[in-house]
Amino acid sequence: MTDIVLEHLKRIQVRLDKIESELTGLKAAVISSHEVMASFLKNDVRREADIFGLEQRIARIERRLELNDAS
């Protein structure tokens, strides 16, 4: 009887080890995905700042040239 229980426990342990290994891989994949998303967001913020700077420069140039949209 104890041999059967021990055999089942060993099988359970093997399965748990596989699950743990797969979970570790999934955690690594999620972390990698988060890093990629953070990179995209950082680049998006940088582009928004660049666009804002260009808009400010254009507005300053238009003021200097006395260009108006109301013409």
PDB file of N, CA and C in Angstrom:
ATOM      1  N   MET A   1       0.823  -1.205   0.000  1.00  0.00           N
ATOM      2  CA  MET A   1       0.000   0.000   0.000  1.00  0.00           C
ATOM      3  C   MET A   1       0.863   1.263   0.000  1.00  0.00           C
ATOM      4  N   THR A   2       1.889   1.265   0.856  1.00  0.00           N
ATOM      5  CA  THR A   2       2.745   2.445   0.905  1.00  0.00           C
ATOM      6  C   THR A   2       3.525   2.634  -0.403  1.00  0.00           C
ATOM      7  N   ASP A   3       3.817   1.529  -1.080  1.00  0.00           N
ATOM      8  CA  ASP A   3       4.511   1.630  -2.366  1.00  0.00           C
ATOM      9  C   ASP A   3       3.643   2.358  -3.391  1.00  0.00           C
ATOM     10  N   ILE A   4       2.358   2.082  -3.381  1.00  0.00           N
ATOM     11  CA  ILE A   4       1.440   2.749  -4.318  1.00  0.00           C
ATOM     12  C   ILE A   4       1.353   4.237  -4.003  1.00  0.00           C
ATOM     13  N   VAL A   5       1.260   4.568  -2.737  1.00  0.00           N
ATOM     14  CA  VAL A   5       1.184   5.976  -2.325  1.00  0.00           C
ATOM     15  C   VAL A   5       2.478   6.693  -2.707  1.00  0.00           C
ATOM     16  N   LEU A   6       3.608   6.071  -2.450  1.00  0.00           N
ATOM     17  CA  LEU A   6       4.890   6.680  -2.792  1.00  0.00           C
ATOM     18  C   LEU A   6       5.013   6.890  -4.306  1.00  0.00           C
ATOM     19  N   GLU A   7       4.555   5.925  -5.070  1.00  0.00           N
ATOM     20  CA  GLU A   7       4.596   6.047  -6.528  1.00  0.00           C
ATOM     21  C   GLU A   7       3.733   7.214  -7.002  1.00  0.00           C
ATOM     22  N   HIS A   8       2.558   7.355  -6.437  1.00  0.00           N
ATOM     23  CA  HIS A   8       1.681   8.479  -6.795  1.00  0.00           C
ATOM     24  C   HIS A   8       2.303   9.816  -6.393  1.00  0.00           C
ATOM     25  N   LEU A   9       2.892   9.842  -5.228  1.00  0.00           N
ATOM     26  CA  LEU A   9       3.545  11.079  -4.768  1.00  0.00           C
ATOM     27  C   LEU A   9       4.709  11.457  -5.683  1.00  0.00           C
ATOM     28  N   LYS A  10       5.465  10.463  -6.143  1.00  0.00           N
ATOM     29  CA  LYS A  10       6.568  10.732  -7.069  1.00  0.00           C
ATOM     30  C   LYS A  10       6.046  11.302  -8.384  1.00  0.00           C
ATOM     31  N   ARG A  11       4.954  10.726  -8.890  1.00  0.00           N
ATOM     32  CA  ARG A  11       4.359  11.237 -10.135  1.00  0.00           C
ATOM     33  C   ARG A  11       3.864  12.670  -9.949  1.00  0.00           C
ATOM     34  N   ILE A  12       3.243  12.889  -8.801  1.00  0.00           N
ATOM     35  CA  ILE A  12       2.764  14.250  -8.514  1.00  0.00           C
ATOM     36  C   ILE A  12       3.938  15.212  -8.460  1.00  0.00           C
ATOM     37  N   GLN A  13       5.017  14.816  -7.840  1.00  0.00           N
ATOM     38  CA  GLN A  13       6.200  15.678  -7.738  1.00  0.00           C
ATOM     39  C   GLN A  13       6.777  15.995  -9.113  1.00  0.00           C
ATOM     40  N   VAL A  14       6.835  14.996  -9.999  1.00  0.00           N
ATOM     41  CA  VAL A  14       7.338  15.205 -11.360  1.00  0.00           C
ATOM     42  C   VAL A  14       6.455  16.222 -12.092  1.00  0.00           C
ATOM     43  N   ARG A  15       5.148  16.050 -11.950  1.00  0.00           N
ATOM     44  CA  ARG A  15       4.224  16.978 -12.613  1.00  0.00           C
ATOM     45  C   ARG A  15       4.357  18.390 -12.046  1.00  0.00           C
ATOM     46  N   LEU A  16       4.504  18.490 -10.741  1.00  0.00           N
ATOM     47  CA  LEU A  16       4.684  19.805 -10.116  1.00  0.00           C
ATOM     48  C   LEU A  16       5.978  20.468 -10.573  1.00  0.00           C
ATOM     49  N   ASP A  17       7.026  19.680 -10.725  1.00  0.00           N
ATOM     50  CA  ASP A  17       8.296  20.212 -11.221  1.00  0.00           C
ATOM     51  C   ASP A  17       8.139  20.769 -12.636  1.00  0.00           C
ATOM     52  N   LYS A  18       7.388  20.042 -13.480  1.00  0.00           N
ATOM     53  CA  LYS A  18       7.144  20.518 -14.844  1.00  0.00           C
ATOM     54  C   LYS A  18       6.333  21.809 -14.838  1.00  0.00           C
ATOM     55  N   ILE A  19       5.316  21.842 -13.990  1.00  0.00           N
ATOM     56  CA  ILE A  19       4.485  23.040 -13.889  1.00  0.00           C
ATOM     57  C   ILE A  19       5.315  24.227 -13.406  1.00  0.00           C
ATOM     58  N   GLU A  20       6.163  23.999 -12.421  1.00  0.00           N
ATOM     59  CA  GLU A  20       7.020  25.058 -11.906  1.00  0.00           C
ATOM     60  C   GLU A  20       7.966  25.588 -12.988  1.00  0.00           C
ATOM     61  N   SER A  21       8.527  24.674 -13.766  1.00  0.00           N
ATOM     62  CA  SER A  21       9.418  25.073 -14.856  1.00  0.00           C
ATOM     63  C   SER A  21       8.674  25.912 -15.895  1.00  0.00           C
ATOM     64  N   GLU A  22       7.469  25.459 -16.264  1.00  0.00           N
ATOM     65  CA  GLU A  22       6.675  26.209 -17.236  1.00  0.00           C
ATOM     66  C   GLU A  22       6.281  27.575 -16.684  1.00  0.00           C
ATOM     67  N   LEU A  23       5.944  27.624 -15.406  1.00  0.00           N
ATOM     68  CA  LEU A  23       5.565  28.890 -14.782  1.00  0.00           C
ATOM     69  C   LEU A  23       6.737  29.868 -14.773  1.00  0.00           C
ATOM     70  N   THR A  24       7.920  29.363 -14.534  1.00  0.00           N
ATOM     71  CA  THR A  24       9.121  30.212 -14.567  1.00  0.00           C
ATOM     72  C   THR A  24       9.311  30.794 -15.966  1.00  0.00           C
ATOM     73  N   GLY A  25       9.110  29.963 -16.990  1.00  0.00           N
ATOM     74  CA  GLY A  25       9.215  30.449 -18.364  1.00  0.00           C
ATOM     75  C   GLY A  25       8.155  31.495 -18.679  1.00  0.00           C
ATOM     76  N   LEU A  26       6.942  31.276 -18.200  1.00  0.00           N
ATOM     77  CA  LEU A  26       5.866  32.246 -18.430  1.00  0.00           C
ATOM     78  C   LEU A  26       6.158  33.578 -17.734  1.00  0.00           C
ATOM     79  N   LYS A  27       6.688  33.496 -16.527  1.00  0.00           N
ATOM     80  CA  LYS A  27       7.040  34.732 -15.811  1.00  0.00           C
ATOM     81  C   LYS A  27       8.098  35.527 -16.592  1.00  0.00           C
ATOM     82  N   ALA A  28       9.073  34.827 -17.120  1.00  0.00           N
ATOM     83  CA  ALA A  28      10.116  35.489 -17.909  1.00  0.00           C
ATOM     84  C   ALA A  28       9.513  36.142 -19.152  1.00  0.00           C
ATOM     85  N   ALA A  29       8.563  35.454 -19.788  1.00  0.00           N
ATOM     86  CA  ALA A  29       7.918  36.008 -20.983  1.00  0.00           C
ATOM     87  C   ALA A  29       7.102  37.247 -20.642  1.00  0.00           C
ATOM     88  N   VAL A  30       6.422  37.230 -19.519  1.00  0.00           N
ATOM     89  CA  VAL A  30       5.628  38.391 -19.101  1.00  0.00           C
ATOM     90  C   VAL A  30       6.543  39.576 -18.796  1.00  0.00           C
ATOM     91  N   ILE A  31       7.629  39.316 -18.116  1.00  0.00           N
ATOM     92  CA  ILE A  31       8.581  40.393 -17.810  1.00  0.00           C
ATOM     93  C   ILE A  31       9.144  40.974 -19.099  1.00  0.00           C
ATOM     94  N   SER A  32       9.477  40.115 -20.033  1.00  0.00           N
ATOM     95  CA  SER A  32       9.989  40.581 -21.321  1.00  0.00           C
ATOM     96  C   SER A  32       8.947  41.436 -22.042  1.00  0.00           C
ATOM     97  N   SER A  33       7.695  41.001 -22.010  1.00  0.00           N
ATOM     98  CA  SER A  33       6.614  41.777 -22.642  1.00  0.00           C
ATOM     99  C   SER A  33       6.471  43.140 -21.990  1.00  0.00           C
ATOM    100  N   HIS A  34       6.582  43.183 -20.678  1.00  0.00           N
ATOM    101  CA  HIS A  34       6.485  44.462 -19.967  1.00  0.00           C
ATOM    102  C   HIS A  34       7.639  45.392 -20.353  1.00  0.00           C
ATOM    103  N   GLU A  35       8.808  44.831 -20.517  1.00  0.00           N
ATOM    104  CA  GLU A  35       9.954  45.644 -20.917  1.00  0.00           C
ATOM    105  C   GLU A  35       9.748  46.217 -22.317  1.00  0.00           C
ATOM    106  N   VAL A  36       9.208  45.417 -23.218  1.00  0.00           N
ATOM    107  CA  VAL A  36       8.941  45.892 -24.578  1.00  0.00           C
ATOM    108  C   VAL A  36       7.901  47.011 -24.553  1.00  0.00           C
ATOM    109  N   MET A  37       6.831  46.821 -23.781  1.00  0.00           N
ATOM    110  CA  MET A  37       5.784  47.840 -23.680  1.00  0.00           C
ATOM    111  C   MET A  37       6.342  49.132 -23.090  1.00  0.00           C
ATOM    112  N   ALA A  38       7.172  49.016 -22.077  1.00  0.00           N
ATOM    113  CA  ALA A  38       7.777  50.200 -21.464  1.00  0.00           C
ATOM    114  C   ALA A  38       8.632  50.944 -22.484  1.00  0.00           C
ATOM    115  N   SER A  39       9.346  50.208 -23.308  1.00  0.00           N
ATOM    116  CA  SER A  39      10.165  50.824 -24.351  1.00  0.00           C
ATOM    117  C   SER A  39       9.293  51.567 -25.360  1.00  0.00           C
ATOM    118  N   PHE A  40       8.182  50.932 -25.779  1.00  0.00           N
ATOM    119  CA  PHE A  40       7.267  51.600 -26.700  1.00  0.00           C
ATOM    120  C   PHE A  40       6.707  52.873 -26.091  1.00  0.00           C
ATOM    121  N   LEU A  41       6.309  52.809 -24.836  1.00  0.00           N
ATOM    122  CA  LEU A  41       5.740  53.987 -24.177  1.00  0.00           C
ATOM    123  C   LEU A  41       6.767  55.100 -24.056  1.00  0.00           C
ATOM    124  N   LYS A  42       8.002  54.726 -23.731  1.00  0.00           N
ATOM    125  CA  LYS A  42       9.064  55.725 -23.606  1.00  0.00           C
ATOM    126  C   LYS A  42       9.304  56.412 -24.951  1.00  0.00           C
ATOM    127  N   ASN A  43       9.325  55.624 -26.023  1.00  0.00           N
ATOM    128  CA  ASN A  43       9.503  56.205 -27.350  1.00  0.00           C
ATOM    129  C   ASN A  43       8.333  57.089 -27.733  1.00  0.00           C
ATOM    130  N   ASP A  44       7.120  56.690 -27.353  1.00  0.00           N
ATOM    131  CA  ASP A  44       5.930  57.490 -27.650  1.00  0.00           C
ATOM    132  C   ASP A  44       5.998  58.833 -26.932  1.00  0.00           C
ATOM    133  N   VAL A  45       6.408  58.819 -25.686  1.00  0.00           N
ATOM    134  CA  VAL A  45       6.539  60.067 -24.923  1.00  0.00           C
ATOM    135  C   VAL A  45       7.594  60.958 -25.561  1.00  0.00           C
ATOM    136  N   ARG A  46       8.692  60.370 -25.994  1.00  0.00           N
ATOM    137  CA  ARG A  46       9.760  61.142 -26.639  1.00  0.00           C
ATOM    138  C   ARG A  46       9.248  61.790 -27.929  1.00  0.00           C
ATOM    139  N   ARG A  47       8.481  61.027 -28.720  1.00  0.00           N
ATOM    140  CA  ARG A  47       7.922  61.591 -29.961  1.00  0.00           C
ATOM    141  C   ARG A  47       6.947  62.716 -29.668  1.00  0.00           C
ATOM    142  N   GLU A  48       6.124  62.534 -28.652  1.00  0.00           N
ATOM    143  CA  GLU A  48       5.179  63.591 -28.278  1.00  0.00           C
ATOM    144  C   GLU A  48       5.926  64.861 -27.875  1.00  0.00           C
ATOM    145  N   ALA A  49       7.003  64.711 -27.140  1.00  0.00           N
ATOM    146  CA  ALA A  49       7.808  65.869 -26.744  1.00  0.00           C
ATOM    147  C   ALA A  49       8.433  66.523 -27.968  1.00  0.00           C
ATOM    148  N   ASP A  50       8.915  65.731 -28.911  1.00  0.00           N
ATOM    149  CA  ASP A  50       9.487  66.276 -30.137  1.00  0.00           C
ATOM    150  C   ASP A  50       8.440  67.053 -30.937  1.00  0.00           C
ATOM    151  N   ILE A  51       7.247  66.473 -31.042  1.00  0.00           N
ATOM    152  CA  ILE A  51       6.164  67.142 -31.776  1.00  0.00           C
ATOM    153  C   ILE A  51       5.789  68.442 -31.087  1.00  0.00           C
ATOM    154  N   PHE A  52       5.694  68.426 -29.771  1.00  0.00           N
ATOM    155  CA  PHE A  52       5.372  69.647 -29.036  1.00  0.00           C
ATOM    156  C   PHE A  52       6.421  70.722 -29.288  1.00  0.00           C
ATOM    157  N   GLY A  53       7.690  70.324 -29.260  1.00  0.00           N
ATOM    158  CA  GLY A  53       8.764  71.285 -29.526  1.00  0.00           C
ATOM    159  C   GLY A  53       8.663  71.866 -30.923  1.00  0.00           C
ATOM    160  N   LEU A  54       8.354  71.032 -31.909  1.00  0.00           N
ATOM    161  CA  LEU A  54       8.200  71.528 -33.287  1.00  0.00           C
ATOM    162  C   LEU A  54       7.008  72.470 -33.409  1.00  0.00           C
ATOM    163  N   GLU A  55       5.916  72.131 -32.723  1.00  0.00           N
ATOM    164  CA  GLU A  55       4.745  73.023 -32.746  1.00  0.00           C
ATOM    165  C   GLU A  55       5.093  74.381 -32.159  1.00  0.00           C
ATOM    166  N   GLN A  56       5.866  74.386 -31.088  1.00  0.00           N
ATOM    167  CA  GLN A  56       6.278  75.650 -30.469  1.00  0.00           C
ATOM    168  C   GLN A  56       7.170  76.456 -31.407  1.00  0.00           C
ATOM    169  N   ARG A  57       8.089  75.778 -32.078  1.00  0.00           N
ATOM    170  CA  ARG A  57       8.970  76.477 -33.022  1.00  0.00           C
ATOM    171  C   ARG A  57       8.176  77.060 -34.184  1.00  0.00           C
ATOM    172  N   ILE A  58       7.221  76.292 -34.712  1.00  0.00           N
ATOM    173  CA  ILE A  58       6.396  76.785 -35.824  1.00  0.00           C
ATOM    174  C   ILE A  58       5.593  77.997 -35.380  1.00  0.00           C
ATOM    175  N   ALA A  59       5.018  77.934 -34.194  1.00  0.00           N
ATOM    176  CA  ALA A  59       4.242  79.065 -33.687  1.00  0.00           C
ATOM    177  C   ALA A  59       5.130  80.311 -33.554  1.00  0.00           C
ATOM    178  N   ARG A  60       6.345  80.128 -33.069  1.00  0.00           N
ATOM    179  CA  ARG A  60       7.273  81.254 -32.927  1.00  0.00           C
ATOM    180  C   ARG A  60       7.641  81.826 -34.295  1.00  0.00           C
ATOM    181  N   ILE A  61       7.885  80.970 -35.277  1.00  0.00           N
ATOM    182  CA  ILE A  61       8.210  81.423 -36.637  1.00  0.00           C
ATOM    183  C   ILE A  61       7.038  82.178 -37.236  1.00  0.00           C
ATOM    184  N   GLU A  62       5.835  81.654 -37.055  1.00  0.00           N
ATOM    185  CA  GLU A  62       4.644  82.332 -37.584  1.00  0.00           C
ATOM    186  C   GLU A  62       4.474  83.701 -36.942  1.00  0.00           C
ATOM    187  N   ARG A  63       4.724  83.811 -35.646  1.00  0.00           N
ATOM    188  CA  ARG A  63       4.628  85.127 -34.986  1.00  0.00           C
ATOM    189  C   ARG A  63       5.667  86.089 -35.544  1.00  0.00           C
ATOM    190  N   ARG A  64       6.880  85.613 -35.749  1.00  0.00           N
ATOM    191  CA  ARG A  64       7.942  86.478 -36.272  1.00  0.00           C
ATOM    192  C   ARG A  64       7.641  86.935 -37.683  1.00  0.00           C
ATOM    193  N   LEU A  65       7.034  86.043 -38.487  1.00  0.00           N
ATOM    194  CA  LEU A  65       6.701  86.414 -39.863  1.00  0.00           C
ATOM    195  C   LEU A  65       5.341  87.099 -39.962  1.00  0.00           C
ATOM    196  N   GLU A  66       4.716  87.243 -38.805  1.00  0.00           N
ATOM    197  CA  GLU A  66       3.392  87.874 -38.738  1.00  0.00           C
ATOM    198  C   GLU A  66       2.378  87.166 -39.626  1.00  0.00           C
ATOM    199  N   LEU A  67       2.412  85.857 -39.574  1.00  0.00           N
ATOM    200  CA  LEU A  67       1.441  85.061 -40.304  1.00  0.00           C
ATOM    201  C   LEU A  67       0.243  84.809 -39.389  1.00  0.00           C
ATOM    202  N   ASN A  68      -0.936  84.948 -39.932  1.00  0.00           N
ATOM    203  CA  ASN A  68      -2.143  84.717 -39.135  1.00  0.00           C
ATOM    204  C   ASN A  68      -3.039  83.725 -39.864  1.00  0.00           C
ATOM    205  N   ASP A  69      -3.751  82.915 -39.103  1.00  0.00           N
ATOM    206  CA  ASP A  69      -4.724  82.002 -39.696  1.00  0.00           C
ATOM    207  C   ASP A  69      -5.999  82.740 -40.058  1.00  0.00           C
ATOM    208  N   ALA A  70      -6.199  83.927 -39.538  1.00  0.00           N
ATOM    209  CA  ALA A  70      -7.440  84.670 -39.747  1.00  0.00           C
ATOM    210  C   ALA A  70      -7.474  85.411 -41.075  1.00  0.00           C
ATOM    211  N   SER A  71      -6.463  85.287 -41.933  1.00  0.00           N
ATOM    212  CA  SER A  71      -6.434  86.064 -43.175  1.00  0.00           C
ATOM    213  C   SER A  71      -7.557  85.750 -44.105  1.00  0.00           C
TER     214      SER A  71
END
